[in-house]
Amino acid sequence: MKVLRMIARPLIVAPFIIDGLSAVKDPDAHARQFQKVSPYLERLGVPPVITSDAKMASRALGAVTVLAGTSFALGKAPRTCAAILAATAVPIALVQNPVWTAKDHAQKERYRRGLERYGTALGGLILATVDREGEPSKTWQLANWREHQLALTQARNETWEAAKEALDA
């Protein structure tokens, strides 16, 4: 499985890294796309501070996705990085594929396919957030340790009682 993870992780995050690099290098295109949906975001209650500087927001989100994607691909804190990417995937997908703003059927179809692609990647990232690489959870390890300690204590007490009985007889 380790080889499979080594291959799958970069494949899952490659689109996020590429898009993030694009947002960092050339935030203008991303900012224009962001400005298209900002009126809708403001109606939903997103603070104007976020929508006022679209270039900076695009760059910041791009940097986050590049860093989290690279770390995930390299296997550094993969569950945390997958959670960060999953959290950023939803707003990115909605900004880049605003189906509700489509003017014709072809554009709506293109946006829908884009949302499907992001949804597929989001599914992989959600699975990665719970992947413990075959290791049990800390909760299970603690419960198992407690059970083991209880069994040792009981065995010790039984041995002690048996030894006392043998000496008394």
N, C-alpha and C. Protein backbone atom coordinates (compact mmCIF):
# COMPACT_ATOMS: atom_id res chain seq x y z
N MET A 1 0.81 -1.21 0.00
CA MET A 1 0.00 0.00 0.00
C MET A 1 0.85 1.27 0.00
N LYS A 2 2.05 1.19 0.56
CA LYS A 2 2.89 2.38 0.63
C LYS A 2 3.22 2.90 -0.77
N VAL A 3 3.50 1.99 -1.69
CA VAL A 3 3.81 2.40 -3.06
C VAL A 3 2.58 3.03 -3.71
N LEU A 4 1.43 2.44 -3.45
CA LEU A 4 0.18 2.98 -4.00
C LEU A 4 -0.08 4.40 -3.49
N ARG A 5 0.12 4.62 -2.20
CA ARG A 5 -0.05 5.98 -1.65
C ARG A 5 0.96 6.94 -2.26
N MET A 6 2.20 6.46 -2.45
CA MET A 6 3.25 7.31 -3.01
C MET A 6 2.89 7.77 -4.44
N ILE A 7 2.16 6.94 -5.16
CA ILE A 7 1.73 7.29 -6.52
C ILE A 7 0.44 8.11 -6.48
N ALA A 8 -0.50 7.71 -5.64
CA ALA A 8 -1.83 8.33 -5.62
C ALA A 8 -1.82 9.75 -5.07
N ARG A 9 -1.05 10.00 -4.03
CA ARG A 9 -1.08 11.33 -3.41
C ARG A 9 -0.76 12.46 -4.39
N PRO A 10 0.34 12.37 -5.12
CA PRO A 10 0.61 13.45 -6.08
C PRO A 10 -0.47 13.57 -7.17
N LEU A 11 -1.04 12.43 -7.58
CA LEU A 11 -2.09 12.48 -8.60
C LEU A 11 -3.34 13.18 -8.09
N ILE A 12 -3.68 12.97 -6.82
CA ILE A 12 -4.86 13.61 -6.26
C ILE A 12 -4.68 15.12 -6.19
N VAL A 13 -3.49 15.56 -5.80
CA VAL A 13 -3.30 17.00 -5.54
C VAL A 13 -2.69 17.78 -6.69
N ALA A 14 -2.29 17.12 -7.76
CA ALA A 14 -1.67 17.83 -8.88
C ALA A 14 -2.52 18.99 -9.40
N PRO A 15 -3.83 18.81 -9.59
CA PRO A 15 -4.62 19.95 -10.07
C PRO A 15 -4.64 21.13 -9.09
N PHE A 16 -4.63 20.83 -7.80
CA PHE A 16 -4.63 21.89 -6.79
C PHE A 16 -3.30 22.65 -6.81
N ILE A 17 -2.20 21.92 -6.94
CA ILE A 17 -0.89 22.57 -6.98
C ILE A 17 -0.77 23.43 -8.23
N ILE A 18 -1.18 22.91 -9.37
CA ILE A 18 -1.09 23.66 -10.62
C ILE A 18 -1.96 24.92 -10.56
N ASP A 19 -3.18 24.77 -10.07
CA ASP A 19 -4.08 25.92 -9.96
C ASP A 19 -3.55 26.92 -8.93
N GLY A 20 -3.00 26.43 -7.84
CA GLY A 20 -2.43 27.32 -6.82
C GLY A 20 -1.24 28.10 -7.34
N LEU A 21 -0.37 27.43 -8.10
CA LEU A 21 0.77 28.14 -8.70
C LEU A 21 0.28 29.22 -9.67
N SER A 22 -0.74 28.89 -10.43
CA SER A 22 -1.31 29.87 -11.34
C SER A 22 -1.85 31.08 -10.58
N ALA A 23 -2.51 30.83 -9.45
CA ALA A 23 -3.07 31.94 -8.66
C ALA A 23 -1.98 32.79 -8.03
N VAL A 24 -0.87 32.17 -7.66
CA VAL A 24 0.23 32.93 -7.06
C VAL A 24 0.97 33.74 -8.12
N LYS A 25 1.25 33.12 -9.27
CA LYS A 25 2.01 33.80 -10.33
C LYS A 25 1.18 34.86 -11.05
N ASP A 26 -0.05 34.53 -11.38
CA ASP A 26 -0.90 35.44 -12.15
C ASP A 26 -2.28 35.51 -11.50
N PRO A 27 -2.41 36.30 -10.44
CA PRO A 27 -3.68 36.33 -9.72
C PRO A 27 -4.79 37.09 -10.45
N ASP A 28 -4.44 37.82 -11.53
CA ASP A 28 -5.45 38.64 -12.21
C ASP A 28 -6.62 37.80 -12.75
N ALA A 29 -6.31 36.70 -13.42
CA ALA A 29 -7.38 35.87 -13.97
C ALA A 29 -8.25 35.30 -12.85
N HIS A 30 -7.62 34.87 -11.78
CA HIS A 30 -8.37 34.33 -10.64
C HIS A 30 -9.18 35.43 -9.97
N ALA A 31 -8.61 36.62 -9.90
CA ALA A 31 -9.33 37.74 -9.28
C ALA A 31 -10.56 38.12 -10.11
N ARG A 32 -10.42 38.09 -11.45
CA ARG A 32 -11.57 38.40 -12.30
C ARG A 32 -12.70 37.38 -12.08
N GLN A 33 -12.30 36.11 -11.99
CA GLN A 33 -13.29 35.07 -11.75
C GLN A 33 -13.93 35.27 -10.37
N PHE A 34 -13.12 35.64 -9.41
CA PHE A 34 -13.62 35.89 -8.06
C PHE A 34 -14.58 37.07 -8.04
N GLN A 35 -14.26 38.12 -8.82
CA GLN A 35 -15.12 39.31 -8.87
C GLN A 35 -16.49 38.99 -9.49
N LYS A 36 -16.53 38.00 -10.39
CA LYS A 36 -17.80 37.61 -10.99
C LYS A 36 -18.78 37.08 -9.95
N VAL A 37 -18.25 36.37 -8.95
CA VAL A 37 -19.13 35.76 -7.95
C VAL A 37 -19.20 36.55 -6.65
N SER A 38 -18.42 37.61 -6.52
CA SER A 38 -18.42 38.35 -5.25
C SER A 38 -19.77 38.95 -4.88
N PRO A 39 -20.60 39.43 -5.83
CA PRO A 39 -21.93 39.89 -5.41
C PRO A 39 -22.77 38.78 -4.76
N TYR A 40 -22.63 37.58 -5.29
CA TYR A 40 -23.36 36.45 -4.72
C TYR A 40 -22.83 36.11 -3.33
N LEU A 41 -21.50 36.20 -3.17
CA LEU A 41 -20.89 35.92 -1.87
C LEU A 41 -21.33 36.93 -0.82
N GLU A 42 -21.39 38.20 -1.23
CA GLU A 42 -21.81 39.24 -0.28
C GLU A 42 -23.26 39.03 0.14
N ARG A 43 -24.10 38.56 -0.79
CA ARG A 43 -25.49 38.26 -0.44
C ARG A 43 -25.59 37.10 0.55
N LEU A 44 -24.59 36.20 0.49
CA LEU A 44 -24.58 35.06 1.41
C LEU A 44 -23.97 35.42 2.77
N GLY A 45 -23.46 36.63 2.89
CA GLY A 45 -22.93 37.07 4.17
C GLY A 45 -21.43 37.03 4.30
N VAL A 46 -20.72 36.79 3.20
CA VAL A 46 -19.26 36.81 3.25
C VAL A 46 -18.83 38.27 3.45
N PRO A 47 -17.95 38.53 4.43
CA PRO A 47 -17.56 39.92 4.70
C PRO A 47 -16.91 40.59 3.49
N PRO A 48 -17.20 41.89 3.27
CA PRO A 48 -16.62 42.60 2.13
C PRO A 48 -15.09 42.69 2.20
N VAL A 49 -14.52 42.52 3.37
CA VAL A 49 -13.06 42.55 3.49
C VAL A 49 -12.44 41.48 2.60
N ILE A 50 -13.07 40.32 2.57
CA ILE A 50 -12.54 39.22 1.76
C ILE A 50 -12.75 39.51 0.27
N THR A 51 -13.90 40.08 -0.07
CA THR A 51 -14.19 40.31 -1.49
C THR A 51 -13.54 41.59 -2.02
N SER A 52 -13.08 42.49 -1.15
CA SER A 52 -12.55 43.76 -1.61
C SER A 52 -11.19 43.62 -2.29
N ASP A 53 -10.35 42.74 -1.81
CA ASP A 53 -9.03 42.56 -2.42
C ASP A 53 -8.93 41.16 -3.01
N ALA A 54 -9.51 41.01 -4.18
CA ALA A 54 -9.59 39.69 -4.82
C ALA A 54 -8.21 39.16 -5.20
N LYS A 55 -7.30 40.05 -5.60
CA LYS A 55 -5.95 39.61 -5.97
C LYS A 55 -5.24 38.98 -4.78
N MET A 56 -5.31 39.66 -3.65
CA MET A 56 -4.64 39.14 -2.46
C MET A 56 -5.30 37.84 -2.00
N ALA A 57 -6.61 37.78 -2.05
CA ALA A 57 -7.31 36.56 -1.65
C ALA A 57 -6.93 35.40 -2.57
N SER A 58 -6.82 35.68 -3.88
CA SER A 58 -6.43 34.64 -4.83
C SER A 58 -5.02 34.15 -4.56
N ARG A 59 -4.10 35.09 -4.33
CA ARG A 59 -2.72 34.72 -4.04
C ARG A 59 -2.62 33.91 -2.75
N ALA A 60 -3.31 34.37 -1.72
CA ALA A 60 -3.24 33.68 -0.42
C ALA A 60 -3.79 32.26 -0.53
N LEU A 61 -4.94 32.13 -1.16
CA LEU A 61 -5.53 30.80 -1.31
C LEU A 61 -4.66 29.92 -2.21
N GLY A 62 -4.06 30.53 -3.22
CA GLY A 62 -3.14 29.78 -4.09
C GLY A 62 -1.93 29.28 -3.32
N ALA A 63 -1.37 30.14 -2.47
CA ALA A 63 -0.21 29.73 -1.66
C ALA A 63 -0.58 28.61 -0.70
N VAL A 64 -1.75 28.71 -0.10
CA VAL A 64 -2.20 27.65 0.82
C VAL A 64 -2.34 26.33 0.09
N THR A 65 -2.95 26.36 -1.09
CA THR A 65 -3.15 25.10 -1.82
C THR A 65 -1.82 24.53 -2.32
N VAL A 66 -0.89 25.38 -2.72
CA VAL A 66 0.42 24.88 -3.16
C VAL A 66 1.16 24.23 -1.99
N LEU A 67 1.19 24.91 -0.85
CA LEU A 67 1.90 24.36 0.31
C LEU A 67 1.25 23.08 0.83
N ALA A 68 -0.06 23.10 0.97
CA ALA A 68 -0.75 21.91 1.46
C ALA A 68 -0.65 20.77 0.45
N GLY A 69 -0.78 21.08 -0.83
CA GLY A 69 -0.69 20.05 -1.86
C GLY A 69 0.69 19.43 -1.95
N THR A 70 1.72 20.26 -1.87
CA THR A 70 3.09 19.75 -1.92
C THR A 70 3.39 18.88 -0.70
N SER A 71 2.98 19.36 0.46
CA SER A 71 3.21 18.57 1.68
C SER A 71 2.46 17.25 1.62
N PHE A 72 1.23 17.28 1.13
CA PHE A 72 0.45 16.06 1.00
C PHE A 72 1.13 15.09 0.03
N ALA A 73 1.57 15.60 -1.11
CA ALA A 73 2.22 14.75 -2.11
C ALA A 73 3.49 14.11 -1.56
N LEU A 74 4.19 14.84 -0.68
CA LEU A 74 5.43 14.31 -0.11
C LEU A 74 5.18 13.45 1.12
N GLY A 75 3.92 13.37 1.56
CA GLY A 75 3.59 12.54 2.72
C GLY A 75 3.86 13.21 4.05
N LYS A 76 4.00 14.52 4.07
CA LYS A 76 4.23 15.27 5.31
C LYS A 76 2.89 15.72 5.86
N ALA A 77 2.50 15.20 7.02
CA ALA A 77 1.20 15.51 7.65
C ALA A 77 0.07 15.35 6.63
N PRO A 78 -0.03 14.19 6.00
CA PRO A 78 -0.99 14.04 4.91
C PRO A 78 -2.45 14.22 5.31
N ARG A 79 -2.82 13.78 6.50
CA ARG A 79 -4.22 13.92 6.90
C ARG A 79 -4.58 15.39 7.11
N THR A 80 -3.69 16.14 7.73
CA THR A 80 -3.94 17.56 7.94
C THR A 80 -3.98 18.31 6.62
N CYS A 81 -3.02 18.02 5.75
CA CYS A 81 -2.98 18.67 4.44
C CYS A 81 -4.21 18.33 3.61
N ALA A 82 -4.65 17.08 3.68
CA ALA A 82 -5.86 16.69 2.94
C ALA A 82 -7.08 17.44 3.47
N ALA A 83 -7.15 17.63 4.77
CA ALA A 83 -8.27 18.38 5.36
C ALA A 83 -8.24 19.84 4.91
N ILE A 84 -7.06 20.43 4.88
CA ILE A 84 -6.93 21.82 4.41
C ILE A 84 -7.35 21.93 2.96
N LEU A 85 -6.87 21.02 2.13
CA LEU A 85 -7.23 21.05 0.72
C LEU A 85 -8.72 20.80 0.50
N ALA A 86 -9.29 19.90 1.29
CA ALA A 86 -10.73 19.64 1.18
C ALA A 86 -11.53 20.88 1.54
N ALA A 87 -11.07 21.58 2.58
CA ALA A 87 -11.78 22.80 3.01
C ALA A 87 -11.67 23.91 1.97
N THR A 88 -10.54 23.99 1.29
CA THR A 88 -10.37 25.04 0.27
C THR A 88 -10.96 24.64 -1.07
N ALA A 89 -11.16 23.35 -1.29
CA ALA A 89 -11.66 22.88 -2.59
C ALA A 89 -13.06 23.38 -2.88
N VAL A 90 -13.90 23.45 -1.85
CA VAL A 90 -15.29 23.85 -2.07
C VAL A 90 -15.38 25.30 -2.56
N PRO A 91 -14.78 26.28 -1.85
CA PRO A 91 -14.89 27.65 -2.37
C PRO A 91 -14.20 27.83 -3.72
N ILE A 92 -13.08 27.15 -3.92
CA ILE A 92 -12.38 27.27 -5.21
C ILE A 92 -13.28 26.73 -6.32
N ALA A 93 -13.88 25.58 -6.09
CA ALA A 93 -14.75 24.97 -7.10
C ALA A 93 -15.92 25.88 -7.44
N LEU A 94 -16.52 26.48 -6.42
CA LEU A 94 -17.67 27.35 -6.66
C LEU A 94 -17.28 28.64 -7.37
N VAL A 95 -16.11 29.18 -7.05
CA VAL A 95 -15.66 30.41 -7.72
C VAL A 95 -15.28 30.12 -9.17
N GLN A 96 -14.61 29.02 -9.40
CA GLN A 96 -14.16 28.71 -10.76
C GLN A 96 -15.27 28.14 -11.66
N ASN A 97 -16.32 27.65 -11.04
CA ASN A 97 -17.40 27.03 -11.81
C ASN A 97 -18.76 27.53 -11.35
N PRO A 98 -19.02 28.82 -11.50
CA PRO A 98 -20.30 29.37 -11.02
C PRO A 98 -21.46 29.02 -11.96
N VAL A 99 -22.02 27.87 -11.78
CA VAL A 99 -23.09 27.37 -12.65
C VAL A 99 -24.25 28.36 -12.70
N TRP A 100 -24.56 29.00 -11.59
CA TRP A 100 -25.70 29.91 -11.52
C TRP A 100 -25.52 31.18 -12.36
N THR A 101 -24.28 31.45 -12.83
CA THR A 101 -24.05 32.63 -13.66
C THR A 101 -23.98 32.30 -15.15
N ALA A 102 -24.12 31.03 -15.50
CA ALA A 102 -23.97 30.60 -16.89
C ALA A 102 -25.01 31.28 -17.77
N LYS A 103 -24.55 31.72 -18.93
CA LYS A 103 -25.42 32.43 -19.85
C LYS A 103 -26.06 31.51 -20.89
N ASP A 104 -25.40 30.38 -21.18
CA ASP A 104 -25.97 29.45 -22.14
C ASP A 104 -25.75 28.01 -21.67
N HIS A 105 -26.33 27.10 -22.40
CA HIS A 105 -26.28 25.69 -22.00
C HIS A 105 -24.84 25.14 -22.03
N ALA A 106 -24.05 25.52 -23.03
CA ALA A 106 -22.68 25.02 -23.16
C ALA A 106 -21.83 25.47 -21.97
N GLN A 107 -21.98 26.73 -21.59
CA GLN A 107 -21.21 27.24 -20.46
C GLN A 107 -21.66 26.55 -19.15
N LYS A 108 -22.94 26.36 -19.02
CA LYS A 108 -23.47 25.69 -17.83
C LYS A 108 -22.93 24.25 -17.76
N GLU A 109 -22.88 23.60 -18.90
CA GLU A 109 -22.36 22.24 -18.96
C GLU A 109 -20.87 22.21 -18.60
N ARG A 110 -20.10 23.18 -19.08
CA ARG A 110 -18.66 23.27 -18.77
C ARG A 110 -18.46 23.47 -17.26
N TYR A 111 -19.24 24.36 -16.67
CA TYR A 111 -19.16 24.60 -15.23
C TYR A 111 -19.56 23.35 -14.45
N ARG A 112 -20.58 22.67 -14.92
CA ARG A 112 -21.03 21.46 -14.22
C ARG A 112 -19.94 20.38 -14.24
N ARG A 113 -19.28 20.22 -15.38
CA ARG A 113 -18.18 19.25 -15.46
C ARG A 113 -17.04 19.66 -14.54
N GLY A 114 -16.76 20.94 -14.45
CA GLY A 114 -15.72 21.42 -13.53
C GLY A 114 -16.07 21.10 -12.08
N LEU A 115 -17.33 21.29 -11.73
CA LEU A 115 -17.77 20.95 -10.37
C LEU A 115 -17.65 19.46 -10.11
N GLU A 116 -17.95 18.66 -11.12
CA GLU A 116 -17.82 17.21 -10.97
C GLU A 116 -16.37 16.82 -10.74
N ARG A 117 -15.45 17.45 -11.47
CA ARG A 117 -14.02 17.15 -11.28
C ARG A 117 -13.57 17.51 -9.87
N TYR A 118 -13.98 18.70 -9.43
CA TYR A 118 -13.62 19.09 -8.06
C TYR A 118 -14.27 18.16 -7.04
N GLY A 119 -15.49 17.73 -7.31
CA GLY A 119 -16.17 16.80 -6.41
C GLY A 119 -15.43 15.48 -6.30
N THR A 120 -14.92 15.01 -7.42
CA THR A 120 -14.15 13.77 -7.43
C THR A 120 -12.88 13.92 -6.61
N ALA A 121 -12.17 15.02 -6.83
CA ALA A 121 -10.94 15.28 -6.05
C ALA A 121 -11.27 15.45 -4.57
N LEU A 122 -12.38 16.12 -4.29
CA LEU A 122 -12.80 16.31 -2.90
C LEU A 122 -13.05 14.95 -2.23
N GLY A 123 -13.66 14.04 -2.95
CA GLY A 123 -13.88 12.70 -2.40
C GLY A 123 -12.57 12.01 -2.04
N GLY A 124 -11.59 12.11 -2.91
CA GLY A 124 -10.27 11.53 -2.62
C GLY A 124 -9.62 12.18 -1.41
N LEU A 125 -9.77 13.50 -1.31
CA LEU A 125 -9.18 14.21 -0.17
C LEU A 125 -9.88 13.84 1.14
N ILE A 126 -11.18 13.68 1.09
CA ILE A 126 -11.91 13.29 2.31
C ILE A 126 -11.46 11.90 2.76
N LEU A 127 -11.29 10.98 1.80
CA LEU A 127 -10.77 9.66 2.16
C LEU A 127 -9.36 9.77 2.75
N ALA A 128 -8.56 10.66 2.20
CA ALA A 128 -7.19 10.82 2.70
C ALA A 128 -7.17 11.39 4.12
N THR A 129 -8.19 12.16 4.49
CA THR A 129 -8.20 12.71 5.85
C THR A 129 -8.40 11.64 6.91
N VAL A 130 -8.99 10.53 6.54
CA VAL A 130 -9.22 9.46 7.52
C VAL A 130 -8.27 8.27 7.32
N ASP A 131 -7.36 8.35 6.36
CA ASP A 131 -6.42 7.26 6.09
C ASP A 131 -5.30 7.27 7.14
N ARG A 132 -5.26 6.23 7.93
CA ARG A 132 -4.23 6.11 8.98
C ARG A 132 -3.08 5.22 8.53
N GLU A 133 -3.06 4.89 7.27
CA GLU A 133 -2.00 4.07 6.69
C GLU A 133 -1.87 2.73 7.41
N GLY A 134 -3.00 2.14 7.77
CA GLY A 134 -3.00 0.83 8.40
C GLY A 134 -2.79 0.86 9.90
N GLU A 135 -2.50 2.00 10.46
CA GLU A 135 -2.30 2.12 11.90
C GLU A 135 -3.62 2.37 12.60
N PRO A 136 -3.80 1.78 13.78
CA PRO A 136 -5.05 2.05 14.53
C PRO A 136 -5.05 3.47 15.08
N SER A 137 -6.24 3.93 15.40
CA SER A 137 -6.37 5.29 15.94
C SER A 137 -5.79 5.37 17.35
N LYS A 138 -5.49 6.58 17.80
CA LYS A 138 -4.97 6.79 19.15
C LYS A 138 -5.99 6.35 20.20
N THR A 139 -7.27 6.55 19.90
CA THR A 139 -8.31 6.13 20.83
C THR A 139 -8.27 4.62 21.01
N TRP A 140 -8.17 3.88 19.92
CA TRP A 140 -8.09 2.43 20.01
C TRP A 140 -6.83 2.00 20.73
N GLN A 141 -5.69 2.65 20.42
CA GLN A 141 -4.44 2.29 21.08
C GLN A 141 -4.53 2.49 22.59
N LEU A 142 -5.14 3.58 23.02
CA LEU A 142 -5.29 3.85 24.45
C LEU A 142 -6.20 2.81 25.10
N ALA A 143 -7.32 2.49 24.47
CA ALA A 143 -8.24 1.49 25.01
C ALA A 143 -7.55 0.13 25.09
N ASN A 144 -6.80 -0.22 24.07
CA ASN A 144 -6.08 -1.49 24.05
C ASN A 144 -5.01 -1.53 25.15
N TRP A 145 -4.30 -0.43 25.35
CA TRP A 145 -3.29 -0.34 26.38
C TRP A 145 -3.92 -0.52 27.76
N ARG A 146 -5.07 0.13 27.97
CA ARG A 146 -5.78 0.00 29.25
C ARG A 146 -6.20 -1.45 29.50
N GLU A 147 -6.75 -2.09 28.48
CA GLU A 147 -7.15 -3.49 28.62
C GLU A 147 -5.95 -4.37 28.95
N HIS A 148 -4.83 -4.11 28.30
CA HIS A 148 -3.61 -4.88 28.53
C HIS A 148 -3.12 -4.66 29.97
N GLN A 149 -3.13 -3.42 30.43
CA GLN A 149 -2.71 -3.13 31.80
C GLN A 149 -3.62 -3.81 32.81
N LEU A 150 -4.92 -3.80 32.56
CA LEU A 150 -5.89 -4.45 33.45
C LEU A 150 -5.63 -5.96 33.49
N ALA A 151 -5.37 -6.57 32.34
CA ALA A 151 -5.09 -8.00 32.29
C ALA A 151 -3.80 -8.32 33.04
N LEU A 152 -2.78 -7.49 32.90
CA LEU A 152 -1.52 -7.70 33.64
C LEU A 152 -1.75 -7.60 35.14
N THR A 153 -2.52 -6.61 35.55
CA THR A 153 -2.81 -6.44 36.99
C THR A 153 -3.56 -7.65 37.53
N GLN A 154 -4.55 -8.11 36.78
CA GLN A 154 -5.30 -9.28 37.23
C GLN A 154 -4.40 -10.52 37.31
N ALA A 155 -3.56 -10.71 36.32
CA ALA A 155 -2.65 -11.86 36.33
C ALA A 155 -1.68 -11.77 37.51
N ARG A 156 -1.16 -10.57 37.76
CA ARG A 156 -0.25 -10.36 38.87
C ARG A 156 -0.95 -10.68 40.20
N ASN A 157 -2.18 -10.21 40.37
CA ASN A 157 -2.93 -10.46 41.60
C ASN A 157 -3.23 -11.95 41.78
N GLU A 158 -3.60 -12.61 40.70
CA GLU A 158 -3.89 -14.05 40.77
C GLU A 158 -2.63 -14.83 41.15
N THR A 159 -1.50 -14.45 40.56
CA THR A 159 -0.23 -15.12 40.87
C THR A 159 0.14 -14.87 42.34
N TRP A 160 -0.03 -13.66 42.79
CA TRP A 160 0.27 -13.29 44.17
C TRP A 160 -0.60 -14.11 45.13
N GLU A 161 -1.90 -14.21 44.83
CA GLU A 161 -2.81 -14.98 45.69
C GLU A 161 -2.44 -16.46 45.66
N ALA A 162 -2.10 -16.99 44.52
CA ALA A 162 -1.71 -18.40 44.41
C ALA A 162 -0.43 -18.66 45.21
N ALA A 163 0.52 -17.72 45.14
CA ALA A 163 1.77 -17.88 45.89
C ALA A 163 1.50 -17.84 47.39
N LYS A 164 0.63 -16.96 47.84
CA LYS A 164 0.28 -16.87 49.26
C LYS A 164 -0.38 -18.16 49.74
N GLU A 165 -1.28 -18.69 48.92
CA GLU A 165 -1.95 -19.94 49.28
C GLU A 165 -0.96 -21.10 49.36
N ALA A 166 0.01 -21.13 48.44
CA ALA A 166 1.00 -22.20 48.43
C ALA A 166 1.89 -22.11 49.67
N LEU A 167 2.22 -20.91 50.12
CA LEU A 167 3.05 -20.75 51.31
C LEU A 167 2.27 -21.09 52.58
N ASP A 168 0.98 -20.79 52.59
CA ASP A 168 0.16 -21.06 53.76
C ASP A 168 -0.12 -22.55 53.92
N ALA A 169 -0.08 -23.31 52.86
CA ALA A 169 -0.43 -24.73 52.93
C ALA A 169 0.67 -25.60 53.43
